[in-house]
């Protein structure tokens, strides 16, 4: 993208700050932000927010290494936690309401996984019960949470979540988002 995407701005804030604030507003405690590329700049964007930072020195090896860093940090500060929500900063349509909906649906369902379903594709935000922490810690560095989601997709609770479809991975996607925002159709 030419710049670390967590530092891209949307609606006056960086993506990393927006995602962290949404997690806090949804009642996340603790909220752990995993940083890697441009860690210092991302951490500066989190100033004043009640978050813990888990630096992932192996961030270049893939998403799995970041998930493992976050789970390890979580277990270190909250060893009795019953579950974890994994959310990404590059889904600007996912805000506090979406996270609250996922948490409530997970609690109500007693399922081990509550995952966003956007047009048949499964992905974050996703809540994992503690019973899946071992699998999350065993993810290959280049893998991701989808390995665990798809291993259990038959019993996972799927939550309709079209707002999770917008995932900023290219300059064109980011430009499209900003153009939609200017036209009044943003997330």
N, C-alpha and C. Protein backbone atom coordinates (compact mmCIF):
# COMPACT_ATOMS: atom_id res chain seq x y z
N UNK A 1 0.82 -1.20 0.00
CA UNK A 1 0.00 0.00 0.00
C UNK A 1 0.86 1.26 0.00
N UNK A 2 2.17 1.09 0.14
CA UNK A 2 3.06 2.24 0.13
C UNK A 2 3.25 2.88 1.49
N UNK A 3 2.38 2.54 2.43
CA UNK A 3 2.48 3.05 3.80
C UNK A 3 1.83 2.00 4.71
N UNK A 4 2.23 1.93 5.96
CA UNK A 4 1.59 0.94 6.85
C UNK A 4 0.09 1.22 6.94
N UNK A 5 -0.73 0.23 6.63
CA UNK A 5 -2.16 0.50 6.55
C UNK A 5 -2.77 0.85 7.89
N UNK A 6 -2.19 0.42 8.99
CA UNK A 6 -2.74 0.78 10.30
C UNK A 6 -2.67 2.28 10.54
N UNK A 7 -1.82 2.98 9.78
CA UNK A 7 -1.67 4.42 9.95
C UNK A 7 -2.48 5.23 8.95
N UNK A 8 -3.20 4.54 8.05
CA UNK A 8 -4.08 5.26 7.13
C UNK A 8 -5.20 5.91 7.93
N UNK A 9 -5.69 7.04 7.43
CA UNK A 9 -6.71 7.79 8.15
C UNK A 9 -8.08 7.57 7.52
N UNK A 10 -9.08 7.47 8.39
CA UNK A 10 -10.47 7.36 7.97
C UNK A 10 -11.31 8.08 9.01
N UNK A 11 -12.14 9.00 8.55
CA UNK A 11 -12.99 9.78 9.45
C UNK A 11 -12.19 10.45 10.56
N UNK A 12 -11.01 10.97 10.18
CA UNK A 12 -10.22 11.77 11.10
C UNK A 12 -9.31 11.02 12.04
N UNK A 13 -9.31 9.69 11.97
CA UNK A 13 -8.46 8.89 12.86
C UNK A 13 -7.73 7.83 12.06
N UNK A 14 -6.62 7.38 12.62
CA UNK A 14 -5.93 6.26 11.98
C UNK A 14 -6.75 4.99 12.18
N UNK A 15 -6.55 4.05 11.29
CA UNK A 15 -7.29 2.78 11.38
C UNK A 15 -6.99 2.06 12.69
N UNK A 16 -5.75 2.10 13.16
CA UNK A 16 -5.41 1.40 14.40
C UNK A 16 -6.11 2.04 15.59
N UNK A 17 -6.19 3.34 15.63
CA UNK A 17 -6.86 4.01 16.75
C UNK A 17 -8.37 3.74 16.71
N UNK A 18 -8.96 3.79 15.52
CA UNK A 18 -10.41 3.51 15.38
C UNK A 18 -10.73 2.11 15.88
N UNK A 19 -9.94 1.13 15.48
CA UNK A 19 -10.20 -0.26 15.88
C UNK A 19 -10.03 -0.44 17.38
N UNK A 20 -8.99 0.15 17.95
CA UNK A 20 -8.76 0.03 19.39
C UNK A 20 -9.88 0.71 20.17
N UNK A 21 -10.30 1.88 19.73
CA UNK A 21 -11.38 2.60 20.42
C UNK A 21 -12.69 1.81 20.34
N UNK A 22 -12.97 1.19 19.21
CA UNK A 22 -14.18 0.38 19.08
C UNK A 22 -14.15 -0.79 20.05
N UNK A 23 -12.99 -1.44 20.18
CA UNK A 23 -12.86 -2.57 21.11
C UNK A 23 -13.06 -2.12 22.55
N UNK A 24 -12.51 -0.97 22.89
CA UNK A 24 -12.69 -0.43 24.24
C UNK A 24 -14.15 -0.11 24.48
N UNK A 25 -14.78 0.58 23.53
CA UNK A 25 -16.19 0.96 23.67
C UNK A 25 -17.12 -0.24 23.73
N UNK A 26 -16.68 -1.36 23.17
CA UNK A 26 -17.47 -2.60 23.22
C UNK A 26 -17.26 -3.36 24.53
N UNK A 27 -16.45 -2.80 25.41
CA UNK A 27 -16.24 -3.41 26.71
C UNK A 27 -15.06 -4.34 26.80
N UNK A 28 -14.20 -4.34 25.80
CA UNK A 28 -13.01 -5.20 25.83
C UNK A 28 -12.14 -4.86 27.02
N UNK A 29 -11.77 -5.88 27.76
CA UNK A 29 -10.92 -5.67 28.93
C UNK A 29 -10.19 -6.97 29.24
N UNK A 30 -8.93 -7.03 28.94
CA UNK A 30 -8.10 -5.99 28.36
C UNK A 30 -8.26 -5.93 26.83
N UNK A 31 -7.90 -4.78 26.28
CA UNK A 31 -7.77 -4.64 24.83
C UNK A 31 -6.28 -4.70 24.53
N UNK A 32 -5.91 -5.64 23.70
CA UNK A 32 -4.50 -5.83 23.34
C UNK A 32 -4.34 -5.53 21.86
N UNK A 33 -3.43 -4.64 21.55
CA UNK A 33 -3.14 -4.30 20.16
C UNK A 33 -1.79 -4.91 19.83
N UNK A 34 -1.77 -5.74 18.80
CA UNK A 34 -0.51 -6.35 18.36
C UNK A 34 0.09 -5.44 17.30
N UNK A 35 1.33 -5.02 17.54
CA UNK A 35 2.01 -4.16 16.58
C UNK A 35 3.20 -4.92 15.99
N UNK A 36 3.60 -4.48 14.82
CA UNK A 36 4.73 -5.10 14.14
C UNK A 36 5.42 -4.07 13.30
N UNK A 37 5.06 -4.02 12.03
CA UNK A 37 5.61 -3.02 11.12
C UNK A 37 5.25 -1.63 11.66
N UNK A 38 6.21 -0.74 11.69
CA UNK A 38 6.00 0.63 12.18
C UNK A 38 5.37 0.65 13.57
N UNK A 39 5.88 -0.22 14.43
CA UNK A 39 5.32 -0.38 15.78
C UNK A 39 5.30 0.95 16.55
N UNK A 40 6.40 1.70 16.51
CA UNK A 40 6.46 2.94 17.28
C UNK A 40 5.39 3.92 16.82
N UNK A 41 5.22 4.06 15.53
CA UNK A 41 4.22 4.99 15.00
C UNK A 41 2.81 4.54 15.37
N UNK A 42 2.54 3.24 15.27
CA UNK A 42 1.22 2.72 15.64
C UNK A 42 0.96 2.93 17.12
N UNK A 43 1.97 2.67 17.94
CA UNK A 43 1.81 2.83 19.39
C UNK A 43 1.58 4.30 19.76
N UNK A 44 2.20 5.20 19.03
CA UNK A 44 1.98 6.63 19.26
C UNK A 44 0.51 6.99 18.99
N UNK A 45 -0.08 6.35 18.00
CA UNK A 45 -1.49 6.60 17.66
C UNK A 45 -2.44 6.11 18.76
N UNK A 46 -1.97 5.25 19.62
CA UNK A 46 -2.80 4.68 20.69
C UNK A 46 -2.72 5.48 21.99
N UNK A 47 -1.94 6.57 21.98
CA UNK A 47 -1.74 7.37 23.19
C UNK A 47 -3.08 7.77 23.79
N UNK A 48 -3.19 7.60 25.10
CA UNK A 48 -4.40 7.99 25.82
C UNK A 48 -5.48 6.92 25.86
N UNK A 49 -5.32 5.85 25.10
CA UNK A 49 -6.31 4.76 25.10
C UNK A 49 -5.87 3.68 26.10
N UNK A 50 -6.83 3.07 26.75
CA UNK A 50 -6.55 2.00 27.71
C UNK A 50 -6.33 0.69 26.96
N UNK A 51 -5.15 0.54 26.41
CA UNK A 51 -4.80 -0.68 25.68
C UNK A 51 -3.44 -1.18 26.16
N UNK A 52 -3.24 -2.45 25.96
CA UNK A 52 -1.93 -3.05 26.14
C UNK A 52 -1.37 -3.33 24.76
N UNK A 53 -0.08 -3.21 24.62
CA UNK A 53 0.56 -3.46 23.33
C UNK A 53 1.40 -4.72 23.42
N UNK A 54 1.22 -5.58 22.45
CA UNK A 54 2.06 -6.77 22.29
C UNK A 54 2.84 -6.57 21.00
N UNK A 55 4.11 -6.34 21.11
CA UNK A 55 4.93 -6.19 19.90
C UNK A 55 5.26 -7.55 19.34
N UNK A 56 5.09 -7.68 18.05
CA UNK A 56 5.41 -8.93 17.37
C UNK A 56 6.66 -8.70 16.52
N UNK A 57 7.83 -9.09 17.03
CA UNK A 57 9.05 -8.88 16.25
C UNK A 57 9.10 -9.75 15.00
N UNK A 58 8.26 -10.79 14.95
CA UNK A 58 8.24 -11.69 13.79
C UNK A 58 7.08 -11.38 12.86
N UNK A 59 6.61 -10.14 12.86
CA UNK A 59 5.42 -9.77 12.09
C UNK A 59 5.54 -10.11 10.61
N UNK A 60 6.76 -10.05 10.07
CA UNK A 60 6.94 -10.34 8.64
C UNK A 60 6.64 -11.79 8.30
N UNK A 61 6.64 -12.66 9.29
CA UNK A 61 6.38 -14.09 9.03
C UNK A 61 4.90 -14.38 8.80
N UNK A 62 4.03 -13.44 9.17
CA UNK A 62 2.62 -13.62 8.85
C UNK A 62 1.68 -13.38 10.02
N UNK A 63 0.39 -13.40 9.67
CA UNK A 63 -0.69 -13.12 10.63
C UNK A 63 -0.68 -14.08 11.81
N UNK A 64 -0.34 -15.33 11.57
CA UNK A 64 -0.33 -16.32 12.65
C UNK A 64 0.59 -15.92 13.78
N UNK A 65 1.72 -15.32 13.45
CA UNK A 65 2.65 -14.89 14.51
C UNK A 65 2.04 -13.76 15.34
N UNK A 66 1.25 -12.91 14.72
CA UNK A 66 0.59 -11.83 15.45
C UNK A 66 -0.52 -12.36 16.35
N UNK A 67 -1.26 -13.33 15.86
CA UNK A 67 -2.30 -13.94 16.69
C UNK A 67 -1.66 -14.59 17.91
N UNK A 68 -0.59 -15.32 17.69
CA UNK A 68 0.09 -15.97 18.82
C UNK A 68 0.61 -14.95 19.82
N UNK A 69 1.18 -13.83 19.33
CA UNK A 69 1.68 -12.79 20.23
C UNK A 69 0.54 -12.21 21.07
N UNK A 70 -0.60 -11.99 20.45
CA UNK A 70 -1.74 -11.44 21.17
C UNK A 70 -2.30 -12.40 22.21
N UNK A 71 -2.41 -13.68 21.87
CA UNK A 71 -2.93 -14.68 22.81
C UNK A 71 -1.97 -14.85 23.98
N UNK A 72 -0.68 -14.88 23.70
CA UNK A 72 0.30 -14.99 24.79
C UNK A 72 0.20 -13.81 25.75
N UNK A 73 0.08 -12.61 25.20
CA UNK A 73 -0.07 -11.41 26.05
C UNK A 73 -1.36 -11.50 26.86
N UNK A 74 -2.44 -11.90 26.22
CA UNK A 74 -3.73 -12.02 26.91
C UNK A 74 -3.64 -12.99 28.07
N UNK A 75 -3.07 -14.15 27.85
CA UNK A 75 -2.96 -15.14 28.92
C UNK A 75 -2.02 -14.67 30.03
N UNK A 76 -1.06 -13.84 29.69
CA UNK A 76 -0.15 -13.31 30.70
C UNK A 76 -0.82 -12.30 31.63
N UNK A 77 -1.76 -11.53 31.11
CA UNK A 77 -2.40 -10.49 31.93
C UNK A 77 -3.78 -10.89 32.43
N UNK A 78 -4.41 -11.87 31.79
CA UNK A 78 -5.75 -12.31 32.18
C UNK A 78 -5.83 -13.84 32.06
N UNK A 79 -5.12 -14.56 32.93
CA UNK A 79 -5.00 -16.01 32.77
C UNK A 79 -6.32 -16.78 32.86
N UNK A 80 -7.35 -16.18 33.43
CA UNK A 80 -8.64 -16.88 33.57
C UNK A 80 -9.68 -16.44 32.54
N UNK A 81 -9.26 -15.71 31.53
CA UNK A 81 -10.19 -15.19 30.53
C UNK A 81 -10.96 -16.33 29.85
N UNK A 82 -12.24 -16.08 29.54
CA UNK A 82 -13.07 -17.14 28.95
C UNK A 82 -13.08 -17.14 27.43
N UNK A 83 -12.62 -16.04 26.83
CA UNK A 83 -12.62 -15.98 25.37
C UNK A 83 -11.84 -14.78 24.88
N UNK A 84 -11.67 -14.73 23.58
CA UNK A 84 -10.95 -13.63 22.95
C UNK A 84 -11.67 -13.25 21.66
N UNK A 85 -11.73 -11.96 21.38
CA UNK A 85 -12.23 -11.49 20.10
C UNK A 85 -11.04 -11.01 19.30
N UNK A 86 -10.95 -11.49 18.08
CA UNK A 86 -9.91 -11.02 17.17
C UNK A 86 -10.60 -10.13 16.14
N UNK A 87 -10.12 -8.91 16.06
CA UNK A 87 -10.64 -7.95 15.10
C UNK A 87 -9.45 -7.27 14.44
N UNK A 88 -9.65 -6.74 13.27
CA UNK A 88 -8.56 -6.15 12.49
C UNK A 88 -8.78 -4.66 12.31
N UNK A 89 -7.70 -3.94 12.13
CA UNK A 89 -7.84 -2.50 11.92
C UNK A 89 -8.20 -2.15 10.48
N UNK A 90 -8.04 -3.08 9.56
CA UNK A 90 -8.28 -2.74 8.15
C UNK A 90 -9.69 -3.05 7.68
N UNK A 91 -10.63 -3.14 8.62
CA UNK A 91 -12.05 -3.31 8.29
C UNK A 91 -12.79 -2.09 8.86
N UNK A 92 -12.73 -0.95 8.18
CA UNK A 92 -13.27 0.30 8.75
C UNK A 92 -14.77 0.28 8.99
N UNK A 93 -15.50 -0.63 8.37
CA UNK A 93 -16.94 -0.72 8.61
C UNK A 93 -17.28 -1.41 9.92
N UNK A 94 -16.31 -2.06 10.52
CA UNK A 94 -16.52 -2.78 11.78
C UNK A 94 -16.26 -1.81 12.92
N UNK A 95 -17.32 -1.49 13.65
CA UNK A 95 -17.20 -0.57 14.77
C UNK A 95 -17.75 -1.19 16.05
N UNK A 96 -17.99 -0.35 17.01
CA UNK A 96 -18.45 -0.80 18.33
C UNK A 96 -19.71 -1.65 18.24
N UNK A 97 -20.70 -1.22 17.46
CA UNK A 97 -21.96 -1.97 17.36
C UNK A 97 -21.74 -3.39 16.86
N UNK A 98 -20.90 -3.53 15.86
CA UNK A 98 -20.60 -4.86 15.32
C UNK A 98 -19.94 -5.73 16.38
N UNK A 99 -18.98 -5.17 17.09
CA UNK A 99 -18.28 -5.95 18.11
C UNK A 99 -19.24 -6.34 19.24
N UNK A 100 -20.09 -5.41 19.66
CA UNK A 100 -21.07 -5.73 20.71
C UNK A 100 -22.01 -6.84 20.26
N UNK A 101 -22.44 -6.79 19.00
CA UNK A 101 -23.33 -7.82 18.46
C UNK A 101 -22.65 -9.19 18.52
N UNK A 102 -21.40 -9.25 18.13
CA UNK A 102 -20.66 -10.51 18.16
C UNK A 102 -20.52 -11.05 19.59
N UNK A 103 -20.15 -10.17 20.50
CA UNK A 103 -19.97 -10.60 21.88
C UNK A 103 -21.27 -11.14 22.45
N UNK A 104 -22.38 -10.41 22.22
CA UNK A 104 -23.67 -10.85 22.76
C UNK A 104 -24.12 -12.16 22.14
N UNK A 105 -23.97 -12.28 20.83
CA UNK A 105 -24.37 -13.52 20.16
C UNK A 105 -23.54 -14.70 20.66
N UNK A 106 -22.24 -14.48 20.87
CA UNK A 106 -21.36 -15.53 21.40
C UNK A 106 -21.82 -15.94 22.79
N UNK A 107 -22.07 -14.98 23.66
CA UNK A 107 -22.50 -15.29 25.02
C UNK A 107 -23.83 -16.04 25.02
N UNK A 108 -24.76 -15.60 24.19
CA UNK A 108 -26.08 -16.22 24.14
C UNK A 108 -26.05 -17.64 23.57
N UNK A 109 -25.11 -17.90 22.67
CA UNK A 109 -25.09 -19.17 21.94
C UNK A 109 -24.38 -20.29 22.67
N UNK A 110 -23.43 -19.96 23.52
CA UNK A 110 -22.57 -20.95 24.17
C UNK A 110 -21.77 -21.76 23.15
N UNK A 111 -21.55 -21.18 21.99
CA UNK A 111 -20.71 -21.80 20.96
C UNK A 111 -19.25 -21.47 21.22
N UNK A 112 -18.37 -22.30 20.70
CA UNK A 112 -16.94 -22.07 20.88
C UNK A 112 -16.38 -21.00 19.97
N UNK A 113 -17.08 -20.74 18.85
CA UNK A 113 -16.63 -19.74 17.89
C UNK A 113 -17.84 -18.97 17.38
N UNK A 114 -17.71 -17.65 17.34
CA UNK A 114 -18.72 -16.77 16.74
C UNK A 114 -17.99 -15.95 15.69
N UNK A 115 -18.34 -16.16 14.44
CA UNK A 115 -17.56 -15.60 13.33
C UNK A 115 -18.44 -14.76 12.41
N UNK A 116 -17.84 -13.71 11.84
CA UNK A 116 -18.53 -12.88 10.86
C UNK A 116 -18.70 -13.66 9.57
N UNK A 117 -19.89 -13.55 9.01
CA UNK A 117 -20.21 -14.16 7.71
C UNK A 117 -20.58 -13.01 6.78
N UNK A 118 -19.76 -12.79 5.76
CA UNK A 118 -20.04 -11.74 4.80
C UNK A 118 -20.12 -12.36 3.42
N UNK A 119 -21.34 -12.65 3.05
CA UNK A 119 -21.58 -13.24 1.74
C UNK A 119 -21.02 -14.64 1.59
N UNK A 120 -21.06 -15.44 2.66
CA UNK A 120 -20.55 -16.80 2.60
C UNK A 120 -19.09 -16.94 2.95
N UNK A 121 -18.38 -15.83 3.03
CA UNK A 121 -16.98 -15.86 3.47
C UNK A 121 -16.96 -15.64 4.97
N UNK A 122 -16.14 -16.42 5.67
CA UNK A 122 -16.03 -16.33 7.11
C UNK A 122 -14.73 -15.65 7.49
N UNK A 123 -14.79 -14.78 8.51
CA UNK A 123 -13.58 -14.10 8.95
C UNK A 123 -13.85 -13.19 10.12
N UNK A 124 -12.89 -12.33 10.42
CA UNK A 124 -13.04 -11.44 11.56
C UNK A 124 -14.09 -10.36 11.31
N UNK A 125 -14.64 -9.84 12.39
CA UNK A 125 -14.34 -10.16 13.78
C UNK A 125 -14.82 -11.56 14.14
N UNK A 126 -14.07 -12.17 15.04
CA UNK A 126 -14.40 -13.53 15.46
C UNK A 126 -14.09 -13.68 16.95
N UNK A 127 -14.99 -14.36 17.65
CA UNK A 127 -14.79 -14.63 19.07
C UNK A 127 -14.46 -16.12 19.21
N UNK A 128 -13.41 -16.41 19.95
CA UNK A 128 -13.02 -17.78 20.24
C UNK A 128 -13.12 -18.03 21.73
N UNK A 129 -13.79 -19.11 22.11
CA UNK A 129 -13.79 -19.53 23.51
C UNK A 129 -12.40 -20.04 23.87
N UNK A 130 -12.12 -20.03 25.14
CA UNK A 130 -10.81 -20.45 25.64
C UNK A 130 -10.41 -21.84 25.13
N UNK A 131 -11.38 -22.71 24.90
CA UNK A 131 -11.08 -24.07 24.43
C UNK A 131 -10.31 -24.08 23.11
N UNK A 132 -10.31 -22.96 22.40
CA UNK A 132 -9.60 -22.88 21.11
C UNK A 132 -8.25 -22.17 21.21
N UNK A 133 -7.87 -21.72 22.41
CA UNK A 133 -6.61 -20.99 22.54
C UNK A 133 -5.41 -21.85 22.12
N UNK A 134 -5.42 -23.13 22.46
CA UNK A 134 -4.32 -24.00 22.07
C UNK A 134 -4.15 -24.05 20.57
N UNK A 135 -5.27 -24.12 19.84
CA UNK A 135 -5.20 -24.13 18.38
C UNK A 135 -4.69 -22.80 17.84
N UNK A 136 -5.12 -21.70 18.46
CA UNK A 136 -4.66 -20.39 18.02
C UNK A 136 -3.15 -20.24 18.25
N UNK A 137 -2.67 -20.77 19.36
CA UNK A 137 -1.24 -20.70 19.65
C UNK A 137 -0.42 -21.62 18.74
N UNK A 138 -1.07 -22.58 18.11
CA UNK A 138 -0.38 -23.54 17.24
C UNK A 138 -0.43 -23.14 15.76
N UNK A 139 -1.08 -22.03 15.45
CA UNK A 139 -1.17 -21.58 14.06
C UNK A 139 0.24 -21.34 13.51
N UNK A 140 0.46 -21.80 12.30
CA UNK A 140 1.74 -21.51 11.63
C UNK A 140 1.88 -20.00 11.47
N UNK A 141 3.09 -19.47 11.53
CA UNK A 141 3.27 -18.02 11.40
C UNK A 141 2.59 -17.45 10.16
N UNK A 142 2.67 -18.17 9.06
CA UNK A 142 2.08 -17.65 7.82
C UNK A 142 0.58 -17.92 7.72
N UNK A 143 0.03 -18.64 8.69
CA UNK A 143 -1.39 -18.94 8.68
C UNK A 143 -2.19 -17.82 9.33
N UNK A 144 -3.41 -18.15 9.64
CA UNK A 144 -4.29 -17.18 10.29
C UNK A 144 -5.38 -17.89 11.04
N UNK A 145 -6.25 -17.11 11.64
CA UNK A 145 -7.36 -17.66 12.43
C UNK A 145 -8.32 -18.47 11.58
N UNK A 146 -8.32 -18.24 10.27
CA UNK A 146 -9.24 -18.99 9.40
C UNK A 146 -8.98 -20.49 9.48
N UNK A 147 -7.74 -20.89 9.77
CA UNK A 147 -7.44 -22.31 9.95
C UNK A 147 -8.32 -22.89 11.04
N UNK A 148 -8.44 -22.19 12.15
CA UNK A 148 -9.22 -22.66 13.29
C UNK A 148 -10.71 -22.53 12.97
N UNK A 149 -11.10 -21.41 12.36
CA UNK A 149 -12.50 -21.20 12.01
C UNK A 149 -13.00 -22.33 11.11
N UNK A 150 -12.26 -22.62 10.05
CA UNK A 150 -12.72 -23.63 9.08
C UNK A 150 -12.61 -25.05 9.62
N UNK A 151 -11.74 -25.27 10.58
CA UNK A 151 -11.67 -26.59 11.22
C UNK A 151 -12.92 -26.86 12.05
N UNK A 152 -13.62 -25.81 12.44
CA UNK A 152 -14.80 -25.93 13.30
C UNK A 152 -16.02 -25.23 12.70
N UNK A 153 -16.03 -24.99 11.40
CA UNK A 153 -17.09 -24.16 10.82
C UNK A 153 -18.48 -24.77 10.96
N UNK A 154 -18.58 -26.10 11.06
CA UNK A 154 -19.90 -26.71 11.20
C UNK A 154 -20.56 -26.33 12.52
N UNK A 155 -19.76 -26.23 13.59
CA UNK A 155 -20.34 -25.90 14.89
C UNK A 155 -20.22 -24.42 15.25
N UNK A 156 -19.57 -23.63 14.42
CA UNK A 156 -19.41 -22.20 14.70
C UNK A 156 -20.72 -21.46 14.46
N UNK A 157 -20.94 -20.43 15.25
CA UNK A 157 -22.08 -19.54 15.05
C UNK A 157 -21.65 -18.48 14.03
N UNK A 158 -22.41 -18.39 12.96
CA UNK A 158 -22.13 -17.40 11.92
C UNK A 158 -23.05 -16.21 12.11
N UNK A 159 -22.47 -15.04 12.15
CA UNK A 159 -23.24 -13.81 12.32
C UNK A 159 -23.15 -13.01 11.03
N UNK A 160 -24.32 -12.71 10.46
CA UNK A 160 -24.35 -11.92 9.23
C UNK A 160 -23.68 -10.58 9.51
N UNK A 161 -22.66 -10.27 8.72
CA UNK A 161 -21.83 -9.10 9.01
C UNK A 161 -21.32 -8.48 7.71
N UNK A 162 -22.23 -7.89 6.90
CA UNK A 162 -21.77 -7.32 5.62
C UNK A 162 -20.75 -6.20 5.79
N UNK A 163 -20.76 -5.54 6.95
CA UNK A 163 -19.82 -4.45 7.17
C UNK A 163 -18.37 -4.93 7.26
N UNK A 164 -18.17 -6.22 7.46
CA UNK A 164 -16.81 -6.77 7.52
C UNK A 164 -16.24 -7.04 6.13
N UNK A 165 -17.08 -6.95 5.12
CA UNK A 165 -16.62 -7.23 3.75
C UNK A 165 -15.55 -6.24 3.29
N UNK A 166 -15.66 -4.98 3.68
CA UNK A 166 -14.67 -3.97 3.29
C UNK A 166 -13.40 -4.21 4.08
N UNK A 167 -12.38 -4.68 3.39
CA UNK A 167 -11.09 -5.03 3.97
C UNK A 167 -10.04 -4.34 3.11
N UNK A 168 -9.32 -3.41 3.70
CA UNK A 168 -8.39 -2.57 2.94
C UNK A 168 -7.05 -3.26 2.75
N UNK A 169 -6.85 -3.80 1.56
CA UNK A 169 -5.58 -4.46 1.26
C UNK A 169 -4.83 -3.81 0.11
N UNK A 170 -5.50 -2.92 -0.61
CA UNK A 170 -4.84 -2.27 -1.75
C UNK A 170 -5.10 -0.76 -1.73
N UNK A 171 -4.28 -0.03 -2.45
CA UNK A 171 -4.46 1.41 -2.59
C UNK A 171 -5.82 1.70 -3.22
N UNK A 172 -6.22 0.89 -4.21
CA UNK A 172 -7.51 1.10 -4.87
C UNK A 172 -8.67 0.94 -3.88
N UNK A 173 -8.60 -0.06 -3.00
CA UNK A 173 -9.67 -0.24 -2.02
C UNK A 173 -9.76 0.95 -1.07
N UNK A 174 -8.61 1.46 -0.65
CA UNK A 174 -8.59 2.62 0.23
C UNK A 174 -9.13 3.85 -0.49
N UNK A 175 -8.74 4.06 -1.73
CA UNK A 175 -9.24 5.19 -2.53
C UNK A 175 -10.75 5.09 -2.70
N UNK A 176 -11.24 3.90 -2.98
CA UNK A 176 -12.68 3.68 -3.14
C UNK A 176 -13.42 4.03 -1.84
N UNK A 177 -12.87 3.61 -0.71
CA UNK A 177 -13.47 3.92 0.59
C UNK A 177 -13.56 5.43 0.79
N UNK A 178 -12.48 6.14 0.52
CA UNK A 178 -12.48 7.59 0.71
C UNK A 178 -13.44 8.27 -0.25
N UNK A 179 -13.52 7.78 -1.49
CA UNK A 179 -14.47 8.35 -2.46
C UNK A 179 -15.92 8.12 -2.02
N UNK A 180 -16.22 6.92 -1.50
CA UNK A 180 -17.57 6.64 -0.99
C UNK A 180 -17.89 7.55 0.19
N UNK A 181 -16.92 7.78 1.03
CA UNK A 181 -17.11 8.65 2.19
C UNK A 181 -17.42 10.07 1.73
N UNK A 182 -16.69 10.55 0.74
CA UNK A 182 -16.93 11.90 0.23
C UNK A 182 -18.32 12.02 -0.39
N UNK A 183 -18.80 10.94 -0.98
CA UNK A 183 -20.14 10.94 -1.60
C UNK A 183 -21.23 10.66 -0.56
N UNK A 184 -20.81 10.40 0.69
CA UNK A 184 -21.80 10.16 1.73
C UNK A 184 -22.26 8.73 1.86
N UNK A 185 -21.51 7.79 1.27
CA UNK A 185 -21.90 6.39 1.32
C UNK A 185 -20.90 5.54 2.10
N UNK A 186 -20.07 6.19 2.90
CA UNK A 186 -19.03 5.44 3.63
C UNK A 186 -19.59 4.54 4.69
N UNK A 187 -18.72 3.74 5.24
CA UNK A 187 -19.10 2.74 6.23
C UNK A 187 -19.46 3.42 7.48
